[in-house]
Amino acid sequence: MGVLFNSIKITQETKSQGMINELLTLGVTDTKSGTSIYELNYYDLRQELAIAKFRNRNVESSENGWF
C-alpha cells in the first residue's frame, strides 16, 4: 500500500508542476483570495487552472458560441 501511495503522490506532484507552469503562462500567480499558486495542493491547482482556461476563452469566436 505504501508503494502505491508514494507513486500517486509523485504523479500528483509532477502534474502540479505542469499546472503551475500552465498557470504562469496564462499570467496567473495568485488566487482571488490572494494565495500564491505555489502554496496550493493538487486539487486546488486543478480548479484554478480550469477557471483560468475558462476566463481565457474567446467568447466572440464562432467556434465558442452556444450553437
N, C-alpha and C. Protein backbone atom coordinates (compact mmCIF):
# COMPACT_ATOMS: atom_id res chain seq x y z
N MET A 1 0.82 -1.19 0.00
CA MET A 1 0.00 0.00 0.00
C MET A 1 0.86 1.25 0.00
N GLY A 2 1.99 1.24 0.71
CA GLY A 2 2.85 2.40 0.78
C GLY A 2 3.45 2.75 -0.56
N VAL A 3 3.79 1.73 -1.36
CA VAL A 3 4.39 1.97 -2.66
C VAL A 3 3.38 2.64 -3.59
N LEU A 4 2.14 2.19 -3.56
CA LEU A 4 1.10 2.77 -4.41
C LEU A 4 0.84 4.22 -4.01
N PHE A 5 0.76 4.47 -2.71
CA PHE A 5 0.53 5.83 -2.23
C PHE A 5 1.65 6.76 -2.66
N ASN A 6 2.89 6.32 -2.52
CA ASN A 6 4.03 7.14 -2.93
C ASN A 6 4.02 7.38 -4.43
N SER A 7 3.62 6.38 -5.20
CA SER A 7 3.54 6.52 -6.66
C SER A 7 2.51 7.57 -7.05
N ILE A 8 1.36 7.53 -6.42
CA ILE A 8 0.30 8.50 -6.71
C ILE A 8 0.75 9.90 -6.29
N LYS A 9 1.39 10.00 -5.14
CA LYS A 9 1.86 11.30 -4.65
C LYS A 9 2.87 11.92 -5.61
N ILE A 10 3.79 11.11 -6.12
CA ILE A 10 4.79 11.61 -7.07
C ILE A 10 4.12 12.05 -8.36
N THR A 11 3.13 11.28 -8.82
CA THR A 11 2.41 11.63 -10.04
C THR A 11 1.68 12.96 -9.86
N GLN A 12 1.03 13.15 -8.71
CA GLN A 12 0.32 14.40 -8.46
C GLN A 12 1.29 15.57 -8.36
N GLU A 13 2.45 15.36 -7.78
CA GLU A 13 3.44 16.44 -7.69
C GLU A 13 3.94 16.83 -9.07
N THR A 14 4.14 15.83 -9.94
CA THR A 14 4.57 16.11 -11.31
C THR A 14 3.50 16.88 -12.06
N LYS A 15 2.25 16.45 -11.92
CA LYS A 15 1.14 17.15 -12.58
C LYS A 15 0.97 18.56 -12.02
N SER A 16 1.20 18.71 -10.72
CA SER A 16 1.09 20.03 -10.10
C SER A 16 2.10 20.99 -10.71
N GLN A 17 3.31 20.53 -10.92
CA GLN A 17 4.33 21.39 -11.54
C GLN A 17 3.92 21.80 -12.95
N GLY A 18 3.33 20.88 -13.69
CA GLY A 18 2.84 21.20 -15.03
C GLY A 18 1.72 22.22 -14.98
N MET A 19 0.82 22.07 -14.01
CA MET A 19 -0.29 23.02 -13.89
C MET A 19 0.22 24.40 -13.47
N ILE A 20 1.23 24.44 -12.60
CA ILE A 20 1.82 25.72 -12.21
C ILE A 20 2.42 26.40 -13.43
N ASN A 21 3.11 25.65 -14.27
CA ASN A 21 3.69 26.22 -15.48
C ASN A 21 2.61 26.76 -16.41
N GLU A 22 1.51 26.02 -16.55
CA GLU A 22 0.40 26.49 -17.40
C GLU A 22 -0.22 27.76 -16.83
N LEU A 23 -0.41 27.80 -15.52
CA LEU A 23 -0.99 28.99 -14.89
C LEU A 23 -0.07 30.20 -15.08
N LEU A 24 1.22 29.99 -14.95
CA LEU A 24 2.16 31.10 -15.17
C LEU A 24 2.11 31.58 -16.61
N THR A 25 1.95 30.65 -17.56
CA THR A 25 1.82 31.02 -18.96
C THR A 25 0.57 31.87 -19.19
N LEU A 26 -0.50 31.55 -18.46
CA LEU A 26 -1.74 32.31 -18.59
C LEU A 26 -1.71 33.60 -17.77
N GLY A 27 -0.63 33.82 -17.03
CA GLY A 27 -0.48 35.05 -16.27
C GLY A 27 -1.07 34.99 -14.87
N VAL A 28 -1.36 33.81 -14.37
CA VAL A 28 -1.95 33.66 -13.04
C VAL A 28 -0.83 33.34 -12.05
N THR A 29 -0.71 34.16 -11.02
CA THR A 29 0.29 33.90 -9.98
C THR A 29 -0.37 33.74 -8.60
N ASP A 30 -1.58 34.26 -8.45
CA ASP A 30 -2.31 34.19 -7.18
C ASP A 30 -3.76 33.82 -7.44
N THR A 31 -4.41 33.28 -6.41
CA THR A 31 -5.85 33.04 -6.49
C THR A 31 -6.58 34.33 -6.17
N LYS A 32 -7.89 34.33 -6.30
CA LYS A 32 -8.66 35.52 -5.97
C LYS A 32 -8.53 35.90 -4.51
N SER A 33 -8.31 34.91 -3.66
CA SER A 33 -8.17 35.18 -2.23
C SER A 33 -6.76 35.64 -1.87
N GLY A 34 -5.85 35.67 -2.86
CA GLY A 34 -4.51 36.17 -2.62
C GLY A 34 -3.48 35.11 -2.31
N THR A 35 -3.86 33.83 -2.35
CA THR A 35 -2.93 32.75 -2.08
C THR A 35 -2.06 32.50 -3.31
N SER A 36 -0.78 32.35 -3.09
CA SER A 36 0.15 32.06 -4.17
C SER A 36 -0.14 30.68 -4.75
N ILE A 37 0.02 30.52 -6.06
CA ILE A 37 -0.24 29.22 -6.68
C ILE A 37 0.76 28.18 -6.21
N TYR A 38 1.90 28.61 -5.71
CA TYR A 38 2.91 27.68 -5.21
C TYR A 38 2.49 27.03 -3.89
N GLU A 39 1.51 27.61 -3.21
CA GLU A 39 1.04 27.08 -1.93
C GLU A 39 -0.16 26.15 -2.08
N LEU A 40 -0.71 26.03 -3.28
CA LEU A 40 -1.91 25.24 -3.49
C LEU A 40 -1.60 23.76 -3.62
N ASN A 41 -2.56 22.94 -3.21
CA ASN A 41 -2.40 21.50 -3.41
C ASN A 41 -2.87 21.12 -4.81
N TYR A 42 -2.76 19.86 -5.14
CA TYR A 42 -3.08 19.38 -6.49
C TYR A 42 -4.50 19.74 -6.91
N TYR A 43 -5.46 19.51 -6.03
CA TYR A 43 -6.87 19.72 -6.38
C TYR A 43 -7.20 21.20 -6.53
N ASP A 44 -6.61 22.05 -5.69
CA ASP A 44 -6.83 23.49 -5.83
C ASP A 44 -6.18 24.03 -7.10
N LEU A 45 -5.01 23.51 -7.44
CA LEU A 45 -4.36 23.91 -8.70
C LEU A 45 -5.21 23.53 -9.90
N ARG A 46 -5.77 22.34 -9.84
CA ARG A 46 -6.62 21.86 -10.93
C ARG A 46 -7.82 22.79 -11.12
N GLN A 47 -8.41 23.22 -10.01
CA GLN A 47 -9.55 24.12 -10.08
C GLN A 47 -9.14 25.49 -10.63
N GLU A 48 -8.03 26.02 -10.15
CA GLU A 48 -7.56 27.33 -10.63
C GLU A 48 -7.24 27.29 -12.11
N LEU A 49 -6.67 26.19 -12.58
CA LEU A 49 -6.35 26.07 -14.00
C LEU A 49 -7.62 26.03 -14.84
N ALA A 50 -8.62 25.32 -14.38
CA ALA A 50 -9.90 25.27 -15.11
C ALA A 50 -10.53 26.65 -15.20
N ILE A 51 -10.50 27.40 -14.10
CA ILE A 51 -11.05 28.75 -14.09
C ILE A 51 -10.26 29.66 -15.01
N ALA A 52 -8.94 29.56 -14.98
CA ALA A 52 -8.10 30.41 -15.82
C ALA A 52 -8.32 30.12 -17.30
N LYS A 53 -8.47 28.85 -17.66
CA LYS A 53 -8.72 28.49 -19.05
C LYS A 53 -10.08 29.00 -19.49
N PHE A 54 -11.06 28.92 -18.60
CA PHE A 54 -12.40 29.41 -18.93
C PHE A 54 -12.38 30.91 -19.16
N ARG A 55 -11.67 31.65 -18.32
CA ARG A 55 -11.59 33.10 -18.47
C ARG A 55 -10.84 33.50 -19.73
N ASN A 56 -9.93 32.67 -20.18
CA ASN A 56 -9.10 32.98 -21.33
C ASN A 56 -9.79 32.69 -22.66
N ARG A 57 -10.96 32.08 -22.62
CA ARG A 57 -11.67 31.68 -23.83
C ARG A 57 -12.20 32.90 -24.57
N ASN A 58 -12.06 32.89 -25.88
CA ASN A 58 -12.54 33.98 -26.73
C ASN A 58 -14.02 33.76 -27.01
N VAL A 59 -14.88 34.51 -26.34
CA VAL A 59 -16.32 34.32 -26.49
C VAL A 59 -16.85 34.92 -27.78
N GLU A 60 -16.09 35.77 -28.43
CA GLU A 60 -16.53 36.37 -29.68
C GLU A 60 -16.37 35.42 -30.87
N SER A 61 -15.57 34.40 -30.71
CA SER A 61 -15.32 33.44 -31.79
C SER A 61 -16.57 32.60 -32.05
N SER A 62 -16.82 32.31 -33.32
CA SER A 62 -17.99 31.49 -33.66
C SER A 62 -17.82 30.05 -33.18
N GLU A 63 -16.58 29.60 -33.02
CA GLU A 63 -16.32 28.25 -32.52
C GLU A 63 -16.75 28.08 -31.06
N ASN A 64 -16.79 29.17 -30.32
CA ASN A 64 -17.12 29.10 -28.91
C ASN A 64 -18.54 29.55 -28.62
N GLY A 65 -19.37 29.63 -29.64
CA GLY A 65 -20.76 30.01 -29.46
C GLY A 65 -21.57 28.85 -28.87
N TRP A 66 -22.78 29.16 -28.48
CA TRP A 66 -23.63 28.13 -27.89
C TRP A 66 -24.11 27.14 -28.92
N PHE A 67 -24.47 27.62 -30.11
CA PHE A 67 -24.98 26.71 -31.14
C PHE A 67 -24.30 26.96 -32.46
